[in-house]
Amino acid sequence: MIIEELQLYTTRLEELKHFYSVTLGMEVSNATDQAFHLQVGSTRMIFKQCETDHEPFYHVAWMMPTNRFKEAKQWAASRVVLSKEGERDETYSTNWNSHSLYFEDPAGNIIELIAHHRIQNERDHNFSAKDIVQVCEVGLVSDDVLSTVNELQQMGLTRWGEVSETFAPVGDVNGLFIVVKKERTWFFSTQKAQIYPLEVSIRDVGKLRIG
């Protein structure tokens, strides 16, 4: 599953634009007082201004080259405070054969950097923001996880790994919806999952609108 475009909403547009362009040094374009585009490897992320009493926040994962996780961690740690789970500021998944770290942007979005070691996407030079491969995970919060999984399967997507009533990855190693139960605490965070609007464009599948 290839995520071509991801549209999220925020009440802190200017703060996010400064964070991604200046703090992280990523490519920002089409900036107005209502939206901006952020190039995340082959994926375009769009942040749109919204007016709401509750600050929207999301979980998004960016794929790193499999042999550059250590350098990516140094790159991130020099710019942001890495999130911790106990004393750990990174984690390894045996089931997924992947390394991950997490941080939050000024709007509370939970950003994960992940290296999937089953993918051959090595880079032979020092890591920079331009080496981020793509958006490879989008959190999808639901009141009924299994029902949402069934809807995604009807769109042609498949389950990927273990599925429960509170957590279900759907898609493949290149792109996943992380379907979680509302109020479930996000990994490496104290924030409880909430439902906020988003739009995702998936290659050969189409556009999915939530909320």
N, C-alpha and C. Protein backbone atom coordinates (compact mmCIF):
# COMPACT_ATOMS: atom_id res chain seq x y z
N MET A 1 0.85 -1.18 0.00
CA MET A 1 0.00 0.00 0.00
C MET A 1 0.89 1.24 0.00
N ILE A 2 0.75 2.04 -1.03
CA ILE A 2 1.57 3.24 -1.16
C ILE A 2 0.71 4.47 -0.85
N ILE A 3 1.08 5.19 0.20
CA ILE A 3 0.38 6.40 0.60
C ILE A 3 0.96 7.57 -0.20
N GLU A 4 0.16 8.08 -1.12
CA GLU A 4 0.64 9.16 -1.99
C GLU A 4 0.42 10.54 -1.38
N GLU A 5 -0.69 10.69 -0.64
CA GLU A 5 -0.99 11.98 -0.04
C GLU A 5 -1.74 11.78 1.26
N LEU A 6 -1.42 12.64 2.23
CA LEU A 6 -2.07 12.58 3.54
C LEU A 6 -2.43 14.00 3.95
N GLN A 7 -3.71 14.23 4.24
CA GLN A 7 -4.16 15.55 4.64
C GLN A 7 -4.64 15.53 6.08
N LEU A 8 -4.02 16.40 6.90
CA LEU A 8 -4.33 16.49 8.31
C LEU A 8 -4.76 17.91 8.65
N TYR A 9 -5.33 18.09 9.83
CA TYR A 9 -5.86 19.38 10.24
C TYR A 9 -5.20 19.84 11.54
N THR A 10 -5.10 21.16 11.69
CA THR A 10 -4.44 21.71 12.86
C THR A 10 -4.96 23.10 13.17
N THR A 11 -4.85 23.52 14.42
CA THR A 11 -5.12 24.91 14.81
C THR A 11 -3.81 25.69 14.96
N ARG A 12 -2.69 25.02 14.68
CA ARG A 12 -1.37 25.65 14.89
C ARG A 12 -0.56 25.63 13.59
N LEU A 13 -1.14 26.13 12.54
CA LEU A 13 -0.53 26.02 11.22
C LEU A 13 0.85 26.67 11.16
N GLU A 14 0.97 27.90 11.66
CA GLU A 14 2.25 28.61 11.56
C GLU A 14 3.33 27.92 12.38
N GLU A 15 2.98 27.44 13.56
CA GLU A 15 3.95 26.72 14.38
C GLU A 15 4.45 25.47 13.68
N LEU A 16 3.52 24.74 13.05
CA LEU A 16 3.92 23.51 12.36
C LEU A 16 4.78 23.82 11.13
N LYS A 17 4.43 24.86 10.41
CA LYS A 17 5.23 25.23 9.24
C LYS A 17 6.66 25.55 9.65
N HIS A 18 6.82 26.31 10.72
CA HIS A 18 8.16 26.64 11.21
C HIS A 18 8.88 25.38 11.69
N PHE A 19 8.17 24.51 12.40
CA PHE A 19 8.78 23.30 12.93
C PHE A 19 9.32 22.41 11.82
N TYR A 20 8.50 22.14 10.83
CA TYR A 20 8.92 21.21 9.78
C TYR A 20 9.94 21.82 8.82
N SER A 21 9.81 23.11 8.54
CA SER A 21 10.74 23.73 7.58
C SER A 21 12.05 24.15 8.23
N VAL A 22 11.97 24.73 9.43
CA VAL A 22 13.18 25.27 10.07
C VAL A 22 13.80 24.26 11.03
N THR A 23 13.02 23.74 11.98
CA THR A 23 13.57 22.80 12.97
C THR A 23 14.04 21.51 12.31
N LEU A 24 13.20 20.93 11.45
CA LEU A 24 13.57 19.67 10.81
C LEU A 24 14.24 19.86 9.45
N GLY A 25 14.12 21.03 8.86
CA GLY A 25 14.78 21.29 7.58
C GLY A 25 14.17 20.54 6.42
N MET A 26 12.86 20.36 6.46
CA MET A 26 12.18 19.63 5.39
C MET A 26 11.59 20.60 4.38
N GLU A 27 11.19 20.05 3.24
CA GLU A 27 10.71 20.87 2.13
C GLU A 27 9.24 21.23 2.30
N VAL A 28 8.96 22.52 2.47
CA VAL A 28 7.60 23.03 2.59
C VAL A 28 7.28 23.86 1.35
N SER A 29 6.07 23.68 0.81
CA SER A 29 5.67 24.43 -0.38
C SER A 29 4.18 24.78 -0.29
N ASN A 30 3.72 25.57 -1.26
CA ASN A 30 2.30 25.96 -1.36
C ASN A 30 1.77 26.51 -0.03
N ALA A 31 2.60 27.28 0.65
CA ALA A 31 2.22 27.78 1.97
C ALA A 31 1.32 29.00 1.86
N THR A 32 0.16 28.94 2.54
CA THR A 32 -0.74 30.07 2.66
C THR A 32 -1.13 30.19 4.13
N ASP A 33 -2.05 31.09 4.44
CA ASP A 33 -2.50 31.18 5.83
C ASP A 33 -3.55 30.12 6.16
N GLN A 34 -3.83 29.24 5.17
CA GLN A 34 -4.82 28.18 5.39
C GLN A 34 -4.25 26.78 5.27
N ALA A 35 -3.05 26.64 4.69
CA ALA A 35 -2.50 25.30 4.47
C ALA A 35 -1.04 25.38 4.05
N PHE A 36 -0.34 24.25 4.15
CA PHE A 36 0.97 24.11 3.51
C PHE A 36 1.20 22.64 3.18
N HIS A 37 2.08 22.42 2.20
CA HIS A 37 2.44 21.08 1.78
C HIS A 37 3.81 20.74 2.35
N LEU A 38 3.96 19.52 2.83
CA LEU A 38 5.22 19.03 3.36
C LEU A 38 5.61 17.79 2.58
N GLN A 39 6.79 17.83 1.94
CA GLN A 39 7.23 16.67 1.17
C GLN A 39 7.96 15.70 2.08
N VAL A 40 7.39 14.49 2.24
CA VAL A 40 7.96 13.45 3.09
C VAL A 40 8.35 12.29 2.18
N GLY A 41 9.56 12.37 1.61
CA GLY A 41 9.95 11.38 0.62
C GLY A 41 9.00 11.44 -0.57
N SER A 42 8.40 10.30 -0.92
CA SER A 42 7.49 10.25 -2.06
C SER A 42 6.06 10.64 -1.69
N THR A 43 5.82 10.93 -0.42
CA THR A 43 4.47 11.27 0.04
C THR A 43 4.34 12.77 0.28
N ARG A 44 3.19 13.30 -0.11
CA ARG A 44 2.89 14.70 0.18
C ARG A 44 1.96 14.74 1.39
N MET A 45 2.40 15.41 2.46
CA MET A 45 1.55 15.66 3.61
C MET A 45 1.03 17.08 3.51
N ILE A 46 -0.25 17.26 3.74
CA ILE A 46 -0.87 18.59 3.71
C ILE A 46 -1.46 18.88 5.09
N PHE A 47 -1.05 19.99 5.66
CA PHE A 47 -1.66 20.46 6.91
C PHE A 47 -2.61 21.60 6.57
N LYS A 48 -3.86 21.50 7.04
CA LYS A 48 -4.86 22.53 6.80
C LYS A 48 -5.29 23.15 8.12
N GLN A 49 -5.48 24.46 8.09
CA GLN A 49 -5.95 25.18 9.26
C GLN A 49 -7.40 24.81 9.54
N CYS A 50 -7.73 24.64 10.81
CA CYS A 50 -9.12 24.41 11.19
C CYS A 50 -9.40 25.17 12.47
N GLU A 51 -10.65 25.40 12.73
CA GLU A 51 -11.07 26.08 13.95
C GLU A 51 -11.87 25.10 14.79
N THR A 52 -11.37 24.74 15.95
CA THR A 52 -12.04 23.77 16.79
C THR A 52 -11.61 23.98 18.24
N ASP A 53 -12.43 23.55 19.15
CA ASP A 53 -12.09 23.67 20.57
C ASP A 53 -11.02 22.65 20.96
N HIS A 54 -10.91 21.58 20.20
CA HIS A 54 -9.96 20.52 20.50
C HIS A 54 -8.86 20.49 19.44
N GLU A 55 -7.62 20.51 19.88
CA GLU A 55 -6.49 20.48 18.95
C GLU A 55 -6.39 19.08 18.33
N PRO A 56 -6.59 18.95 17.01
CA PRO A 56 -6.43 17.62 16.39
C PRO A 56 -4.98 17.14 16.50
N PHE A 57 -4.82 15.85 16.73
CA PHE A 57 -3.48 15.25 16.66
C PHE A 57 -3.61 13.87 16.07
N TYR A 58 -2.52 13.42 15.45
CA TYR A 58 -2.53 12.18 14.68
C TYR A 58 -1.25 11.39 14.95
N HIS A 59 -1.30 10.12 14.56
CA HIS A 59 -0.08 9.30 14.54
C HIS A 59 0.32 9.07 13.09
N VAL A 60 1.58 9.39 12.77
CA VAL A 60 2.11 9.20 11.42
C VAL A 60 3.51 8.63 11.53
N ALA A 61 3.82 7.63 10.69
CA ALA A 61 5.18 7.07 10.67
C ALA A 61 5.85 7.36 9.34
N TRP A 62 7.13 7.71 9.43
CA TRP A 62 7.97 7.94 8.26
C TRP A 62 8.99 6.82 8.15
N MET A 63 9.12 6.26 6.96
CA MET A 63 10.07 5.18 6.76
C MET A 63 11.48 5.71 6.54
N MET A 64 12.44 5.09 7.26
CA MET A 64 13.85 5.40 7.11
C MET A 64 14.54 4.33 6.26
N PRO A 65 15.66 4.67 5.61
CA PRO A 65 16.47 3.61 5.00
C PRO A 65 16.88 2.59 6.06
N THR A 66 16.81 1.31 5.72
CA THR A 66 17.00 0.25 6.71
C THR A 66 18.37 0.29 7.39
N ASN A 67 19.39 0.83 6.71
CA ASN A 67 20.74 0.86 7.28
C ASN A 67 21.11 2.22 7.86
N ARG A 68 20.12 3.11 8.03
CA ARG A 68 20.43 4.46 8.51
C ARG A 68 19.61 4.84 9.74
N PHE A 69 19.10 3.85 10.48
CA PHE A 69 18.28 4.19 11.64
C PHE A 69 19.11 4.91 12.70
N LYS A 70 20.32 4.44 12.97
CA LYS A 70 21.16 5.07 13.98
C LYS A 70 21.43 6.53 13.62
N GLU A 71 21.75 6.78 12.36
CA GLU A 71 21.99 8.16 11.92
C GLU A 71 20.72 8.99 11.96
N ALA A 72 19.58 8.37 11.60
CA ALA A 72 18.31 9.08 11.65
C ALA A 72 17.97 9.47 13.09
N LYS A 73 18.32 8.59 14.02
CA LYS A 73 18.08 8.91 15.42
C LYS A 73 18.94 10.09 15.86
N GLN A 74 20.19 10.12 15.46
CA GLN A 74 21.06 11.25 15.79
C GLN A 74 20.53 12.55 15.17
N TRP A 75 20.06 12.45 13.93
CA TRP A 75 19.48 13.60 13.24
C TRP A 75 18.28 14.13 14.01
N ALA A 76 17.38 13.22 14.42
CA ALA A 76 16.18 13.63 15.15
C ALA A 76 16.52 14.19 16.53
N ALA A 77 17.42 13.49 17.25
CA ALA A 77 17.73 13.88 18.63
C ALA A 77 18.42 15.24 18.70
N SER A 78 19.06 15.66 17.62
CA SER A 78 19.70 16.98 17.61
C SER A 78 18.70 18.10 17.35
N ARG A 79 17.46 17.73 17.04
CA ARG A 79 16.45 18.73 16.68
C ARG A 79 15.21 18.71 17.57
N VAL A 80 14.90 17.56 18.14
CA VAL A 80 13.68 17.41 18.95
C VAL A 80 14.00 16.59 20.19
N VAL A 81 13.05 16.56 21.11
CA VAL A 81 13.15 15.68 22.28
C VAL A 81 12.49 14.36 21.93
N LEU A 82 13.25 13.28 21.99
CA LEU A 82 12.70 11.97 21.66
C LEU A 82 11.76 11.52 22.77
N SER A 83 10.65 10.91 22.38
CA SER A 83 9.72 10.37 23.36
C SER A 83 10.31 9.13 24.00
N LYS A 84 9.91 8.88 25.26
CA LYS A 84 10.45 7.73 25.98
C LYS A 84 9.33 6.83 26.50
N GLU A 85 9.62 5.56 26.57
CA GLU A 85 8.77 4.57 27.22
C GLU A 85 9.63 3.98 28.33
N GLY A 86 9.42 4.45 29.55
CA GLY A 86 10.36 4.09 30.61
C GLY A 86 11.68 4.79 30.34
N GLU A 87 12.76 4.01 30.26
CA GLU A 87 14.08 4.57 29.98
C GLU A 87 14.44 4.49 28.50
N ARG A 88 13.60 3.86 27.71
CA ARG A 88 13.92 3.63 26.29
C ARG A 88 13.48 4.80 25.43
N ASP A 89 14.33 5.18 24.47
CA ASP A 89 13.95 6.19 23.48
C ASP A 89 13.94 5.60 22.07
N GLU A 90 13.97 4.27 21.98
CA GLU A 90 13.79 3.57 20.72
C GLU A 90 13.28 2.17 21.04
N THR A 91 12.77 1.50 20.04
CA THR A 91 12.24 0.16 20.27
C THR A 91 12.47 -0.72 19.05
N TYR A 92 12.60 -2.02 19.29
CA TYR A 92 12.74 -2.99 18.19
C TYR A 92 11.57 -3.95 18.24
N SER A 93 10.91 -4.15 17.10
CA SER A 93 9.80 -5.10 17.00
C SER A 93 10.30 -6.39 16.35
N THR A 94 10.22 -7.47 17.10
CA THR A 94 10.62 -8.77 16.55
C THR A 94 9.67 -9.20 15.44
N ASN A 95 8.37 -9.02 15.67
CA ASN A 95 7.38 -9.44 14.67
C ASN A 95 7.54 -8.70 13.35
N TRP A 96 7.82 -7.40 13.45
CA TRP A 96 7.93 -6.59 12.23
C TRP A 96 9.37 -6.50 11.72
N ASN A 97 10.34 -6.91 12.53
CA ASN A 97 11.76 -6.74 12.22
C ASN A 97 12.03 -5.28 11.85
N SER A 98 11.73 -4.40 12.82
CA SER A 98 11.86 -2.97 12.57
C SER A 98 12.32 -2.24 13.83
N HIS A 99 13.05 -1.16 13.63
CA HIS A 99 13.43 -0.24 14.70
C HIS A 99 12.61 1.04 14.57
N SER A 100 12.18 1.59 15.71
CA SER A 100 11.38 2.81 15.71
C SER A 100 11.82 3.76 16.81
N LEU A 101 11.60 5.05 16.57
CA LEU A 101 11.68 6.07 17.60
C LEU A 101 10.52 7.04 17.37
N TYR A 102 10.24 7.85 18.39
CA TYR A 102 9.06 8.71 18.34
C TYR A 102 9.39 10.10 18.87
N PHE A 103 8.67 11.10 18.35
CA PHE A 103 8.70 12.44 18.92
C PHE A 103 7.37 13.11 18.58
N GLU A 104 7.10 14.24 19.23
CA GLU A 104 5.86 14.96 18.97
C GLU A 104 6.17 16.35 18.41
N ASP A 105 5.35 16.78 17.47
CA ASP A 105 5.51 18.13 16.93
C ASP A 105 4.73 19.11 17.80
N PRO A 106 4.76 20.41 17.50
CA PRO A 106 4.12 21.40 18.38
C PRO A 106 2.60 21.23 18.54
N ALA A 107 1.97 20.50 17.63
CA ALA A 107 0.53 20.28 17.74
C ALA A 107 0.20 18.97 18.45
N GLY A 108 1.24 18.24 18.87
CA GLY A 108 1.00 16.97 19.55
C GLY A 108 0.90 15.79 18.62
N ASN A 109 1.16 16.00 17.32
CA ASN A 109 1.18 14.87 16.40
C ASN A 109 2.32 13.93 16.77
N ILE A 110 2.03 12.65 16.80
CA ILE A 110 3.02 11.64 17.20
C ILE A 110 3.71 11.14 15.94
N ILE A 111 4.95 11.55 15.75
CA ILE A 111 5.72 11.18 14.57
C ILE A 111 6.66 10.03 14.92
N GLU A 112 6.60 8.99 14.12
CA GLU A 112 7.45 7.82 14.31
C GLU A 112 8.44 7.73 13.15
N LEU A 113 9.69 7.49 13.43
CA LEU A 113 10.68 7.14 12.41
C LEU A 113 10.91 5.65 12.51
N ILE A 114 10.71 4.92 11.42
CA ILE A 114 10.79 3.47 11.45
C ILE A 114 11.66 2.95 10.31
N ALA A 115 12.50 1.99 10.64
CA ALA A 115 13.32 1.29 9.64
C ALA A 115 12.83 -0.15 9.57
N HIS A 116 12.25 -0.52 8.44
CA HIS A 116 11.81 -1.90 8.21
C HIS A 116 12.97 -2.66 7.59
N HIS A 117 13.50 -3.62 8.32
CA HIS A 117 14.71 -4.29 7.85
C HIS A 117 14.45 -5.36 6.79
N ARG A 118 13.17 -5.65 6.54
CA ARG A 118 12.86 -6.60 5.47
C ARG A 118 12.81 -5.91 4.11
N ILE A 119 12.90 -4.58 4.10
CA ILE A 119 12.90 -3.83 2.85
C ILE A 119 14.32 -3.46 2.47
N GLN A 120 14.65 -3.63 1.22
CA GLN A 120 15.99 -3.26 0.74
C GLN A 120 15.94 -1.83 0.20
N ASN A 121 16.19 -0.88 1.08
CA ASN A 121 16.20 0.53 0.67
C ASN A 121 17.40 1.25 1.26
N GLU A 122 18.53 0.55 1.28
CA GLU A 122 19.74 1.10 1.88
C GLU A 122 20.20 2.36 1.16
N ARG A 123 20.83 3.24 1.92
CA ARG A 123 21.46 4.44 1.36
C ARG A 123 22.94 4.41 1.76
N ASP A 124 23.80 4.87 0.85
CA ASP A 124 25.25 4.77 1.10
C ASP A 124 25.86 6.12 1.40
N HIS A 125 25.06 7.05 1.93
CA HIS A 125 25.60 8.37 2.29
C HIS A 125 25.00 8.79 3.63
N ASN A 126 25.55 9.87 4.20
CA ASN A 126 25.07 10.35 5.49
C ASN A 126 23.60 10.74 5.42
N PHE A 127 22.88 10.47 6.49
CA PHE A 127 21.44 10.70 6.51
C PHE A 127 21.11 12.19 6.56
N SER A 128 20.06 12.57 5.82
CA SER A 128 19.47 13.90 5.92
C SER A 128 17.97 13.76 5.75
N ALA A 129 17.25 14.86 5.92
CA ALA A 129 15.80 14.83 5.78
C ALA A 129 15.37 14.33 4.41
N LYS A 130 16.21 14.54 3.40
CA LYS A 130 15.87 14.10 2.05
C LYS A 130 15.88 12.57 1.91
N ASP A 131 16.42 11.87 2.91
CA ASP A 131 16.48 10.41 2.85
C ASP A 131 15.25 9.74 3.44
N ILE A 132 14.32 10.53 4.01
CA ILE A 132 13.06 9.94 4.45
C ILE A 132 12.37 9.37 3.22
N VAL A 133 11.95 8.12 3.29
CA VAL A 133 11.47 7.40 2.10
C VAL A 133 10.03 7.76 1.77
N GLN A 134 9.15 7.71 2.78
CA GLN A 134 7.72 7.94 2.54
C GLN A 134 6.97 7.88 3.87
N VAL A 135 5.74 8.36 3.86
CA VAL A 135 4.84 8.07 4.97
C VAL A 135 4.42 6.61 4.86
N CYS A 136 4.61 5.84 5.93
CA CYS A 136 4.31 4.41 5.85
C CYS A 136 3.29 3.94 6.88
N GLU A 137 2.84 4.85 7.75
CA GLU A 137 1.77 4.50 8.69
C GLU A 137 0.92 5.74 8.95
N VAL A 138 -0.38 5.50 9.04
CA VAL A 138 -1.32 6.55 9.44
C VAL A 138 -2.24 5.94 10.50
N GLY A 139 -2.33 6.60 11.64
CA GLY A 139 -3.23 6.13 12.68
C GLY A 139 -4.68 6.38 12.29
N LEU A 140 -5.51 5.36 12.44
CA LEU A 140 -6.93 5.45 12.12
C LEU A 140 -7.69 5.06 13.38
N VAL A 141 -8.31 6.04 14.03
CA VAL A 141 -8.97 5.82 15.31
C VAL A 141 -10.44 5.49 15.07
N SER A 142 -10.92 4.47 15.77
CA SER A 142 -12.27 3.97 15.52
C SER A 142 -12.97 3.59 16.81
N ASP A 143 -14.30 3.71 16.82
CA ASP A 143 -15.09 3.19 17.93
C ASP A 143 -15.20 1.67 17.86
N ASP A 144 -15.03 1.12 16.64
CA ASP A 144 -15.16 -0.32 16.41
C ASP A 144 -14.05 -0.76 15.46
N VAL A 145 -12.95 -1.24 16.02
CA VAL A 145 -11.77 -1.58 15.23
C VAL A 145 -12.06 -2.66 14.19
N LEU A 146 -12.71 -3.73 14.59
CA LEU A 146 -12.93 -4.86 13.67
C LEU A 146 -13.85 -4.47 12.52
N SER A 147 -14.84 -3.61 12.79
CA SER A 147 -15.71 -3.13 11.73
C SER A 147 -14.94 -2.27 10.73
N THR A 148 -14.05 -1.41 11.26
CA THR A 148 -13.22 -0.58 10.38
C THR A 148 -12.29 -1.44 9.53
N VAL A 149 -11.72 -2.48 10.14
CA VAL A 149 -10.86 -3.40 9.39
C VAL A 149 -11.65 -4.05 8.25
N ASN A 150 -12.87 -4.46 8.51
CA ASN A 150 -13.69 -5.07 7.46
C ASN A 150 -13.95 -4.09 6.32
N GLU A 151 -14.19 -2.82 6.67
CA GLU A 151 -14.42 -1.81 5.63
C GLU A 151 -13.17 -1.62 4.78
N LEU A 152 -12.01 -1.61 5.41
CA LEU A 152 -10.76 -1.46 4.66
C LEU A 152 -10.51 -2.69 3.78
N GLN A 153 -10.87 -3.85 4.27
CA GLN A 153 -10.70 -5.06 3.45
C GLN A 153 -11.60 -5.02 2.22
N GLN A 154 -12.78 -4.44 2.36
CA GLN A 154 -13.69 -4.32 1.22
C GLN A 154 -13.13 -3.38 0.16
N MET A 155 -12.19 -2.50 0.57
CA MET A 155 -11.52 -1.62 -0.38
C MET A 155 -10.34 -2.31 -1.06
N GLY A 156 -10.06 -3.55 -0.64
CA GLY A 156 -8.97 -4.30 -1.24
C GLY A 156 -7.71 -4.35 -0.42
N LEU A 157 -7.74 -3.77 0.80
CA LEU A 157 -6.58 -3.80 1.67
C LEU A 157 -6.62 -5.07 2.51
N THR A 158 -5.47 -5.48 3.03
CA THR A 158 -5.39 -6.73 3.78
C THR A 158 -4.84 -6.51 5.18
N ARG A 159 -5.21 -7.39 6.08
CA ARG A 159 -4.65 -7.34 7.44
C ARG A 159 -3.16 -7.66 7.37
N TRP A 160 -2.41 -7.08 8.31
CA TRP A 160 -0.95 -7.30 8.34
C TRP A 160 -0.56 -7.60 9.78
N GLY A 161 -0.48 -8.86 10.10
CA GLY A 161 -0.11 -9.24 11.46
C GLY A 161 -1.32 -9.43 12.35
N GLU A 162 -1.08 -9.41 13.65
CA GLU A 162 -2.11 -9.68 14.63
C GLU A 162 -3.18 -8.58 14.65
N VAL A 163 -4.43 -9.01 14.80
CA VAL A 163 -5.56 -8.09 14.86
C VAL A 163 -6.32 -8.35 16.15
N SER A 164 -6.68 -7.27 16.86
CA SER A 164 -7.47 -7.41 18.08
C SER A 164 -8.59 -6.38 18.06
N GLU A 165 -9.37 -6.32 19.12
CA GLU A 165 -10.46 -5.35 19.20
C GLU A 165 -9.97 -3.94 19.51
N THR A 166 -8.68 -3.80 19.82
CA THR A 166 -8.14 -2.47 20.15
C THR A 166 -7.01 -2.03 19.22
N PHE A 167 -6.47 -2.95 18.40
CA PHE A 167 -5.31 -2.63 17.56
C PHE A 167 -5.29 -3.54 16.34
N ALA A 168 -5.12 -2.93 15.16
CA ALA A 168 -5.07 -3.74 13.94
C ALA A 168 -4.30 -3.01 12.85
N PRO A 169 -3.17 -3.58 12.38
CA PRO A 169 -2.48 -3.00 11.23
C PRO A 169 -3.08 -3.55 9.93
N VAL A 170 -3.39 -2.65 9.00
CA VAL A 170 -4.01 -3.05 7.73
C VAL A 170 -3.21 -2.42 6.59
N GLY A 171 -2.82 -3.24 5.62
CA GLY A 171 -2.02 -2.77 4.50
C GLY A 171 -0.86 -3.71 4.28
N ASP A 172 0.34 -3.15 4.11
CA ASP A 172 1.54 -3.97 3.95
C ASP A 172 2.74 -3.20 4.48
N VAL A 173 3.93 -3.77 4.31
CA VAL A 173 5.13 -3.18 4.90
C VAL A 173 5.41 -1.78 4.34
N ASN A 174 4.92 -1.48 3.13
CA ASN A 174 5.17 -0.17 2.53
C ASN A 174 4.22 0.91 3.04
N GLY A 175 3.04 0.47 3.50
CA GLY A 175 2.06 1.43 3.98
C GLY A 175 0.99 0.74 4.80
N LEU A 176 0.68 1.32 5.97
CA LEU A 176 -0.26 0.71 6.90
C LEU A 176 -1.22 1.74 7.48
N PHE A 177 -2.47 1.32 7.64
CA PHE A 177 -3.35 1.99 8.57
C PHE A 177 -3.19 1.29 9.91
N ILE A 178 -2.87 2.05 10.95
CA ILE A 178 -2.82 1.51 12.30
C ILE A 178 -4.18 1.82 12.93
N VAL A 179 -5.08 0.85 12.87
CA VAL A 179 -6.44 1.05 13.36
C VAL A 179 -6.45 0.77 14.86
N VAL A 180 -6.83 1.78 15.64
CA VAL A 180 -6.82 1.63 17.10
C VAL A 180 -8.17 2.06 17.67
N LYS A 181 -8.48 1.49 18.82
CA LYS A 181 -9.71 1.82 19.53
C LYS A 181 -9.59 3.22 20.12
N LYS A 182 -10.67 4.00 19.99
CA LYS A 182 -10.71 5.33 20.61
C LYS A 182 -10.40 5.22 22.10
N GLU A 183 -9.60 6.15 22.60
CA GLU A 183 -9.15 6.22 24.00
C GLU A 183 -7.97 5.29 24.31
N ARG A 184 -7.54 4.49 23.35
CA ARG A 184 -6.33 3.67 23.56
C ARG A 184 -5.11 4.60 23.61
N THR A 185 -4.23 4.39 24.56
CA THR A 185 -3.04 5.23 24.67
C THR A 185 -2.06 4.87 23.56
N TRP A 186 -1.62 5.89 22.84
CA TRP A 186 -0.65 5.65 21.77
C TRP A 186 0.69 5.18 22.34
N PHE A 187 1.36 4.31 21.61
CA PHE A 187 2.67 3.80 21.98
C PHE A 187 3.66 4.96 22.09
N PHE A 188 4.52 4.93 23.11
CA PHE A 188 5.52 5.97 23.34
C PHE A 188 4.86 7.35 23.49
N SER A 189 3.70 7.40 24.12
CA SER A 189 2.99 8.65 24.32
C SER A 189 2.05 8.50 25.51
N THR A 190 1.64 9.62 26.07
CA THR A 190 0.61 9.60 27.11
C THR A 190 -0.75 10.00 26.54
N GLN A 191 -0.79 10.29 25.24
CA GLN A 191 -2.03 10.75 24.62
C GLN A 191 -2.94 9.57 24.29
N LYS A 192 -4.23 9.78 24.54
CA LYS A 192 -5.23 8.78 24.20
C LYS A 192 -5.81 9.08 22.82
N ALA A 193 -5.95 8.04 22.02
CA ALA A 193 -6.38 8.18 20.63
C ALA A 193 -7.78 8.80 20.55
N GLN A 194 -7.92 9.79 19.67
CA GLN A 194 -9.20 10.44 19.43
C GLN A 194 -9.45 10.48 17.92
N ILE A 195 -10.72 10.63 17.55
CA ILE A 195 -11.09 10.64 16.14
C ILE A 195 -11.08 12.08 15.63
N TYR A 196 -10.23 12.34 14.64
CA TYR A 196 -10.19 13.65 13.98
C TYR A 196 -10.23 13.44 12.47
N PRO A 197 -10.72 14.41 11.72
CA PRO A 197 -10.82 14.23 10.27
C PRO A 197 -9.46 14.12 9.61
N LEU A 198 -9.38 13.31 8.56
CA LEU A 198 -8.18 13.19 7.75
C LEU A 198 -8.57 12.63 6.39
N GLU A 199 -7.67 12.82 5.43
CA GLU A 199 -7.85 12.25 4.10
C GLU A 199 -6.56 11.57 3.68
N VAL A 200 -6.68 10.39 3.11
CA VAL A 200 -5.52 9.63 2.65
C VAL A 200 -5.75 9.19 1.21
N SER A 201 -4.79 9.45 0.34
CA SER A 201 -4.85 8.98 -1.04
C SER A 201 -3.88 7.81 -1.20
N ILE A 202 -4.40 6.68 -1.62
CA ILE A 202 -3.63 5.45 -1.72
C ILE A 202 -3.54 5.04 -3.18
N ARG A 203 -2.33 4.75 -3.65
CA ARG A 203 -2.13 4.35 -5.03
C ARG A 203 -2.97 3.12 -5.38
N ASP A 204 -3.65 3.19 -6.50
CA ASP A 204 -4.47 2.09 -7.04
C ASP A 204 -5.68 1.75 -6.17
N VAL A 205 -5.94 2.55 -5.14
CA VAL A 205 -7.13 2.33 -4.29
C VAL A 205 -8.03 3.55 -4.33
N GLY A 206 -7.46 4.74 -4.15
CA GLY A 206 -8.25 5.96 -4.17
C GLY A 206 -8.11 6.75 -2.90
N LYS A 207 -9.05 7.67 -2.68
CA LYS A 207 -9.00 8.58 -1.54
C LYS A 207 -9.96 8.11 -0.46
N LEU A 208 -9.45 8.08 0.77
CA LEU A 208 -10.27 7.70 1.92
C LEU A 208 -10.42 8.93 2.81
N ARG A 209 -11.67 9.29 3.13
CA ARG A 209 -11.93 10.42 4.01
C ARG A 209 -12.49 9.91 5.33
N ILE A 210 -11.92 10.39 6.41
CA ILE A 210 -12.37 10.02 7.74
C ILE A 210 -12.86 11.27 8.46
N GLY A 211 -13.99 11.20 9.09
CA GLY A 211 -14.51 12.30 9.89
C GLY A 211 -15.08 13.43 9.07
